[in-house]
Amino acid sequence: MGKQINIGVVGCGNHAQIAHLPFFSRNSRCRLAAICDTDPRKIDYLGSKYNVSRRYQDFQEIVEDDEIEALVIAAPNYLHVPMSLTALKYGKHVLCETPMAVNLREAREIVRIARKASAKFILAMNNRLRPDVQVLKNFIKENELGTVYYAKTGWLIGTREWILSPSRLESLSQSGGAFLNLGVHLLDIALYLLANKVVKSVFASLHKKEVEADVEDTAMCIINFNDGTLLTIEVGWSLLFEKDFLYCNVFGNKGAALLNPLKIQKELHGELYNVTPTIAHKNIYRTSYQLQNHMFLECLADKTQPPISSNDGLMIAEIAEAFYTSAQKEQLVRM
């Protein structure tokens, strides 16, 4: 085993606690050396739980720590760009949560700096590493579904009562609306499955339940590709309903597939058959994060190029920019 890589995690919210901290604390190829969060009680608790002695409330302190070689940026969306740029400036490798940036200008800046930096920048796109997504990807790649011409995906979060507190409203305004928080993850899966298809146009519509809100709570988007393929995305976090819906459906001229849960059907001799394979992994989300973080360490240890880079995030940022332009102007935007 080679030298252990000293990892620091910035932002100790859900993503860090569910995925990053447990993984990096147990992996023999690295050492969870530092954590950073503005909440002192949180970093004290997590520092004790994972035996991390370096506990920072100030990002500048962790980025100036010479022993830290790589940083996981799991802070709120609006901090992804400034933190990533600063980390790269200090020579730290970066694993940054999606979205890469809250607007196209900042996304382009990340790409520009990442290309010149000596350290590596990897965008956290764990959803494409989910076992069910990988299975579906292989079916599409092997032409098992025929020519894919339509896909639809959505993430609708229901709640019995929705009240925006001032602090929640400020947080959402800084991190973006429903499309930037939910839609980009669905867009990542869809673009991965529809690889090599070129986006032609975007038409968007959004809704703000609170009049004074700066960001949307519900949004939908229609994306047309140059070859005629159609993709629809719907997201929302204020639906007065008790259930949540998360789905991605793909349709081809020889079959169709549904995600969450995975179901694949094919037409054979004029009949429709269920050809869904068994997936051994019980927790597909945890597995996807484990694969992503393992890939990150592999790239750093072996000095190889990451399969997921800033360019992947740039395409999503371009579509997100077109989405908000379309919604504002109430017209179709050509890419």
Protein backbone atom coordinates (compact mmCIF):
# COMPACT_ATOMS: atom_id res chain seq x y z
CA MET A 1 0.00 0.00 0.00
CA GLY A 2 1.32 3.45 -0.94
CA LYS A 3 1.31 6.62 1.06
CA GLN A 4 -2.04 7.55 2.59
CA ILE A 5 -3.68 10.69 1.21
CA ASN A 6 -4.74 13.24 3.82
CA ILE A 7 -8.38 14.20 3.17
CA GLY A 8 -10.32 17.15 4.53
CA VAL A 9 -14.13 17.43 4.32
CA VAL A 10 -15.65 20.91 4.06
CA GLY A 11 -19.33 21.12 4.98
CA CYS A 12 -20.62 18.48 7.37
CA GLY A 13 -24.25 18.25 6.29
CA ASN A 14 -26.20 15.26 4.99
CA HIS A 15 -23.92 14.39 2.08
CA ALA A 16 -20.85 14.42 4.28
CA GLN A 17 -22.43 12.43 7.10
CA ILE A 18 -24.06 9.81 4.87
CA ALA A 19 -21.34 9.34 2.29
CA HIS A 20 -18.02 11.10 2.69
CA LEU A 21 -17.14 10.85 6.37
CA PRO A 22 -17.96 7.13 6.78
CA PHE A 23 -16.11 6.18 3.59
CA PHE A 24 -12.94 8.23 3.97
CA SER A 25 -12.65 7.33 7.66
CA ARG A 26 -12.54 3.60 6.80
CA ASN A 27 -10.54 3.53 3.57
CA SER A 28 -6.95 2.38 3.99
CA ARG A 29 -5.72 4.50 1.06
CA CYS A 30 -6.46 7.75 2.84
CA ARG A 31 -6.69 9.39 6.24
CA LEU A 32 -9.61 11.57 7.24
CA ALA A 33 -7.38 14.30 8.61
CA ALA A 34 -9.65 17.35 8.99
CA ILE A 35 -13.24 18.56 8.89
CA CYS A 36 -14.64 22.07 8.50
CA ASP A 37 -18.07 23.51 9.24
CA THR A 38 -19.44 26.75 10.67
CA ASP A 39 -21.38 24.82 13.35
CA PRO A 40 -18.99 24.13 16.29
CA ARG A 41 -21.28 21.55 17.86
CA LYS A 42 -21.44 19.59 14.62
CA ILE A 43 -17.69 19.44 14.08
CA ASP A 44 -17.09 18.54 17.74
CA TYR A 45 -19.55 15.65 17.52
CA LEU A 46 -18.31 14.38 14.15
CA GLY A 47 -14.69 14.97 15.08
CA SER A 48 -15.11 12.76 18.12
CA LYS A 49 -17.10 10.15 16.21
CA TYR A 50 -14.47 9.76 13.49
CA ASN A 51 -11.43 10.57 15.60
CA VAL A 52 -10.53 13.72 13.65
CA SER A 53 -8.39 16.13 15.65
CA ARG A 54 -8.23 18.97 13.11
CA ARG A 55 -11.57 20.74 13.37
CA TYR A 56 -12.01 24.05 11.58
CA GLN A 57 -14.82 26.60 11.49
CA ASP A 58 -12.94 28.83 9.03
CA PHE A 59 -12.41 27.50 5.51
CA GLN A 60 -9.25 29.55 5.11
CA GLU A 61 -7.66 27.63 7.97
CA ILE A 62 -8.27 24.19 6.48
CA VAL A 63 -7.13 25.27 3.03
CA GLU A 64 -3.89 26.64 4.51
CA ASP A 65 -3.22 23.39 6.39
CA ASP A 66 -0.12 22.03 4.62
CA GLU A 67 -0.81 18.45 5.65
CA ILE A 68 -4.17 18.35 3.85
CA GLU A 69 -3.69 17.12 0.28
CA ALA A 70 -7.29 16.91 -0.92
CA LEU A 71 -10.59 18.55 -0.01
CA VAL A 72 -14.15 17.33 -0.42
CA ILE A 73 -16.36 20.37 -0.98
CA ALA A 74 -19.79 19.50 0.42
CA ALA A 75 -20.75 23.05 1.43
CA PRO A 76 -23.87 24.88 0.12
CA ASN A 77 -24.05 25.36 -3.66
CA TYR A 78 -23.06 29.03 -3.72
CA LEU A 79 -19.76 28.17 -2.01
CA HIS A 80 -18.69 25.49 -4.47
CA VAL A 81 -16.88 27.85 -6.84
CA PRO A 82 -15.02 30.11 -4.38
CA MET A 83 -13.97 27.16 -2.23
CA SER A 84 -12.89 25.02 -5.18
CA LEU A 85 -10.91 27.85 -6.77
CA THR A 86 -9.18 28.63 -3.49
CA ALA A 87 -8.39 24.96 -2.88
CA LEU A 88 -6.86 24.58 -6.36
CA LYS A 89 -4.84 27.77 -5.81
CA TYR A 90 -3.35 26.17 -2.69
CA GLY A 91 -2.56 22.98 -4.60
CA LYS A 92 -5.30 20.86 -3.03
CA HIS A 93 -7.07 18.19 -5.07
CA VAL A 94 -10.83 18.76 -5.08
CA LEU A 95 -13.90 16.54 -5.09
CA CYS A 96 -16.79 19.00 -5.45
CA GLU A 97 -20.47 18.20 -4.98
CA THR A 98 -22.93 18.92 -7.80
CA PRO A 99 -23.82 21.51 -9.04
CA MET A 100 -20.36 22.71 -9.94
CA ALA A 101 -21.54 26.34 -10.00
CA VAL A 102 -24.71 28.37 -9.60
CA ASN A 103 -24.31 30.09 -12.98
CA LEU A 104 -22.54 29.61 -16.30
CA ARG A 105 -19.97 32.34 -15.76
CA GLU A 106 -18.68 30.68 -12.60
CA ALA A 107 -18.77 27.24 -14.24
CA ARG A 108 -16.55 28.49 -17.06
CA GLU A 109 -14.14 29.95 -14.53
CA ILE A 110 -13.85 26.59 -12.76
CA VAL A 111 -13.13 24.85 -16.06
CA ARG A 112 -10.49 27.45 -16.98
CA ILE A 113 -8.68 27.20 -13.65
CA ALA A 114 -8.99 23.41 -13.41
CA ARG A 115 -7.33 22.95 -16.80
CA LYS A 116 -4.27 24.92 -15.69
CA ALA A 117 -4.06 23.70 -12.10
CA SER A 118 -1.48 21.17 -10.96
CA ALA A 119 -4.07 19.63 -8.63
CA LYS A 120 -7.05 17.64 -9.87
CA PHE A 121 -10.66 18.78 -9.88
CA ILE A 122 -13.34 16.07 -9.93
CA LEU A 123 -17.06 16.74 -9.94
CA ALA A 124 -19.15 14.53 -7.67
CA MET A 125 -21.63 12.92 -10.06
CA ASN A 126 -22.39 9.80 -8.06
CA ASN A 127 -25.81 9.23 -9.62
CA ARG A 128 -24.33 7.98 -12.87
CA LEU A 129 -22.42 5.38 -10.82
CA ARG A 130 -25.58 3.90 -9.30
CA PRO A 131 -25.77 0.16 -10.10
CA ASP A 132 -29.23 0.49 -11.65
CA VAL A 133 -28.09 3.41 -13.83
CA GLN A 134 -25.05 1.39 -14.93
CA VAL A 135 -27.26 -1.55 -15.90
CA LEU A 136 -29.57 0.70 -17.92
CA LYS A 137 -26.58 2.41 -19.52
CA ASN A 138 -25.29 -0.96 -20.74
CA PHE A 139 -28.70 -1.90 -22.15
CA ILE A 140 -28.78 1.35 -24.13
CA LYS A 141 -25.14 1.02 -25.21
CA GLU A 142 -25.74 -2.51 -26.52
CA ASN A 143 -28.81 -1.29 -28.42
CA GLU A 144 -31.10 -3.56 -26.39
CA LEU A 145 -33.78 -0.85 -26.33
CA GLY A 146 -33.24 0.11 -29.96
CA THR A 147 -33.16 3.79 -30.86
CA VAL A 148 -33.96 5.87 -27.78
CA TYR A 149 -36.25 8.76 -28.75
CA TYR A 150 -37.91 9.86 -25.49
CA ALA A 151 -36.93 10.17 -21.85
CA LYS A 152 -38.72 11.70 -18.90
CA THR A 153 -37.47 12.23 -15.38
CA GLY A 154 -38.67 13.94 -12.23
CA TRP A 155 -38.07 14.55 -8.55
CA LEU A 156 -41.18 15.71 -6.76
CA ILE A 157 -40.96 16.19 -3.01
CA GLY A 158 -44.27 16.25 -1.19
CA THR A 159 -45.14 17.92 2.09
CA ARG A 160 -48.35 18.33 4.03
CA GLU A 161 -47.50 21.91 4.95
CA TRP A 162 -44.96 24.24 3.35
CA ILE A 163 -43.82 27.39 5.12
CA LEU A 164 -40.66 29.23 4.12
CA SER A 165 -38.90 30.58 7.19
CA PRO A 166 -36.64 33.61 6.63
CA SER A 167 -33.50 31.53 7.18
CA ARG A 168 -34.72 28.76 4.83
CA LEU A 169 -35.65 31.35 2.18
CA GLU A 170 -32.19 32.94 2.41
CA SER A 171 -30.48 29.55 2.15
CA LEU A 172 -32.49 28.56 -0.92
CA SER A 173 -31.93 31.92 -2.57
CA GLN A 174 -28.19 31.55 -2.18
CA SER A 175 -28.09 27.94 -3.38
CA GLY A 176 -30.56 28.29 -6.26
CA GLY A 177 -34.09 27.07 -6.83
CA ALA A 178 -35.66 23.68 -7.41
CA PHE A 179 -34.06 23.18 -10.81
CA LEU A 180 -30.54 23.96 -9.61
CA ASN A 181 -30.91 21.85 -6.45
CA LEU A 182 -32.88 18.89 -7.84
CA GLY A 183 -32.99 19.16 -11.61
CA VAL A 184 -29.24 19.11 -12.21
CA HIS A 185 -28.97 15.64 -10.63
CA LEU A 186 -31.68 14.31 -12.94
CA LEU A 187 -30.07 16.09 -15.87
CA ASP A 188 -26.79 14.35 -15.08
CA ILE A 189 -28.42 10.91 -15.23
CA ALA A 190 -30.33 11.74 -18.43
CA LEU A 191 -27.31 13.15 -20.27
CA TYR A 192 -25.26 10.13 -19.21
CA LEU A 193 -27.87 7.74 -20.56
CA LEU A 194 -28.38 9.80 -23.72
CA ALA A 195 -24.65 10.08 -24.44
CA ASN A 196 -23.52 11.57 -27.77
CA LYS A 197 -26.84 13.34 -28.29
CA VAL A 198 -26.52 17.10 -28.84
CA VAL A 199 -28.94 19.47 -27.11
CA LYS A 200 -30.76 21.66 -29.63
CA SER A 201 -33.17 23.74 -27.53
CA VAL A 202 -34.57 24.26 -24.03
CA PHE A 203 -38.03 25.43 -22.99
CA ALA A 204 -38.71 26.01 -19.30
CA SER A 205 -41.44 27.06 -16.92
CA LEU A 206 -41.27 27.65 -13.18
CA HIS A 207 -43.51 28.50 -10.23
CA LYS A 208 -42.94 30.36 -6.97
CA LYS A 209 -45.41 29.46 -4.26
CA GLU A 210 -44.24 32.33 -2.06
CA VAL A 211 -44.65 35.70 -3.77
CA GLU A 212 -41.58 37.16 -2.09
CA ALA A 213 -39.37 34.15 -2.91
CA ASP A 214 -36.31 34.77 -5.06
CA VAL A 215 -36.21 31.19 -6.31
CA GLU A 216 -38.68 28.70 -7.74
CA ASP A 217 -40.09 25.78 -5.77
CA THR A 218 -41.49 23.96 -8.83
CA ALA A 219 -40.13 23.77 -12.36
CA MET A 220 -40.41 21.82 -15.58
CA CYS A 221 -38.21 21.70 -18.65
CA ILE A 222 -38.46 20.34 -22.20
CA ILE A 223 -35.16 19.60 -23.92
CA ASN A 224 -34.94 18.80 -27.62
CA PHE A 225 -31.90 17.11 -29.16
CA ASN A 226 -30.60 17.48 -32.71
CA ASP A 227 -31.66 13.94 -33.64
CA GLY A 228 -35.25 14.51 -32.53
CA THR A 229 -34.93 12.92 -29.08
CA LEU A 230 -37.11 14.55 -26.43
CA LEU A 231 -36.36 14.87 -22.71
CA THR A 232 -38.68 16.28 -20.05
CA ILE A 233 -37.69 17.15 -16.49
CA GLU A 234 -40.04 18.08 -13.63
CA VAL A 235 -38.95 19.02 -10.12
CA GLY A 236 -40.57 20.51 -7.03
CA TRP A 237 -40.26 20.60 -3.26
CA SER A 238 -43.53 22.19 -2.17
CA LEU A 239 -46.21 19.78 -3.35
CA LEU A 240 -49.02 19.32 -0.86
CA PHE A 241 -48.81 15.56 -1.02
CA GLU A 242 -47.58 12.93 1.42
CA LYS A 243 -45.34 10.99 -0.98
CA ASP A 244 -42.17 11.76 -2.91
CA PHE A 245 -41.58 10.72 -6.52
CA LEU A 246 -38.18 10.16 -8.07
CA TYR A 247 -38.09 8.55 -11.49
CA CYS A 248 -36.34 8.33 -14.85
CA ASN A 249 -38.04 6.59 -17.78
CA VAL A 250 -36.37 5.86 -21.11
CA PHE A 251 -38.21 4.74 -24.26
CA GLY A 252 -36.76 3.19 -27.42
CA ASN A 253 -38.29 1.56 -30.48
CA LYS A 254 -37.42 -1.92 -29.16
CA GLY A 255 -38.04 -1.52 -25.45
CA ALA A 256 -38.36 0.74 -22.43
CA ALA A 257 -36.83 1.11 -18.99
CA LEU A 258 -37.88 2.66 -15.70
CA LEU A 259 -35.62 3.68 -12.84
CA ASN A 260 -36.41 3.68 -9.15
CA PRO A 261 -37.10 0.80 -9.09
CA LEU A 262 -35.39 -0.58 -12.18
CA LYS A 263 -37.65 -2.29 -14.70
CA ILE A 264 -36.68 -3.10 -18.28
CA GLN A 265 -39.06 -4.44 -20.91
CA LYS A 266 -38.30 -5.52 -24.48
CA GLU A 267 -40.40 -6.42 -27.47
CA LEU A 268 -39.62 -9.94 -28.64
CA HIS A 269 -41.59 -11.62 -31.46
CA GLY A 270 -44.48 -9.23 -31.01
CA GLU A 271 -44.69 -9.73 -27.24
CA LEU A 272 -43.48 -7.53 -24.37
CA TYR A 273 -41.16 -9.29 -21.91
CA ASN A 274 -39.69 -8.22 -18.57
CA VAL A 275 -35.90 -8.59 -18.91
CA THR A 276 -34.90 -6.76 -15.72
CA PRO A 277 -31.68 -8.23 -14.30
CA THR A 278 -31.15 -8.70 -10.57
CA ILE A 279 -29.05 -6.04 -8.85
CA ALA A 280 -27.01 -7.40 -5.95
CA HIS A 281 -26.51 -4.06 -4.21
CA LYS A 282 -29.26 -3.30 -1.69
CA ASN A 283 -28.42 0.38 -1.17
CA ILE A 284 -27.76 1.81 -4.62
CA TYR A 285 -27.15 5.33 -3.30
CA ARG A 286 -24.53 4.28 -0.77
CA THR A 287 -22.87 2.11 -3.40
CA SER A 288 -22.73 5.02 -5.84
CA TYR A 289 -20.98 7.22 -3.29
CA GLN A 290 -18.55 4.46 -2.42
CA LEU A 291 -17.66 3.98 -6.10
CA GLN A 292 -17.30 7.72 -6.60
CA ASN A 293 -15.03 8.26 -3.62
CA HIS A 294 -12.99 5.17 -4.49
CA MET A 295 -12.55 6.58 -8.02
CA PHE A 296 -11.38 9.87 -6.52
CA LEU A 297 -8.69 8.15 -4.46
CA GLU A 298 -7.66 5.99 -7.42
CA CYS A 299 -7.10 9.07 -9.57
CA LEU A 300 -5.00 10.75 -6.90
CA ALA A 301 -2.92 7.67 -6.02
CA ASP A 302 -2.35 6.46 -9.58
CA LYS A 303 -2.11 9.97 -11.08
CA THR A 304 -4.66 9.13 -13.76
CA GLN A 305 -7.21 11.41 -15.39
CA PRO A 306 -10.64 11.35 -13.74
CA PRO A 307 -13.53 9.96 -15.82
CA ILE A 308 -15.75 12.76 -14.48
CA SER A 309 -14.32 16.24 -14.94
CA SER A 310 -15.25 19.90 -14.96
CA ASN A 311 -16.35 19.57 -18.60
CA ASP A 312 -19.24 17.33 -17.51
CA GLY A 313 -20.38 20.02 -15.12
CA LEU A 314 -20.03 22.70 -17.79
CA MET A 315 -22.65 21.08 -20.03
CA ILE A 316 -25.10 20.94 -17.13
CA ALA A 317 -24.36 24.59 -16.32
CA GLU A 318 -25.05 25.58 -19.95
CA ILE A 319 -28.41 23.84 -19.90
CA ALA A 320 -29.28 25.32 -16.49
CA GLU A 321 -28.45 28.79 -17.83
CA ALA A 322 -30.70 28.16 -20.83
CA PHE A 323 -33.42 26.93 -18.46
CA TYR A 324 -33.52 30.13 -16.41
CA THR A 325 -33.24 32.31 -19.52
CA SER A 326 -36.17 30.48 -21.10
CA ALA A 327 -38.27 30.78 -17.94
CA GLN A 328 -37.54 34.49 -17.61
CA LYS A 329 -38.26 35.33 -21.24
CA GLU A 330 -41.07 32.78 -21.55
CA GLN A 331 -39.69 31.47 -24.81
CA LEU A 332 -37.66 28.63 -26.26
CA VAL A 333 -33.89 29.03 -26.05
CA ARG A 334 -31.68 27.50 -28.74
CA MET A 335 -28.34 26.15 -27.60
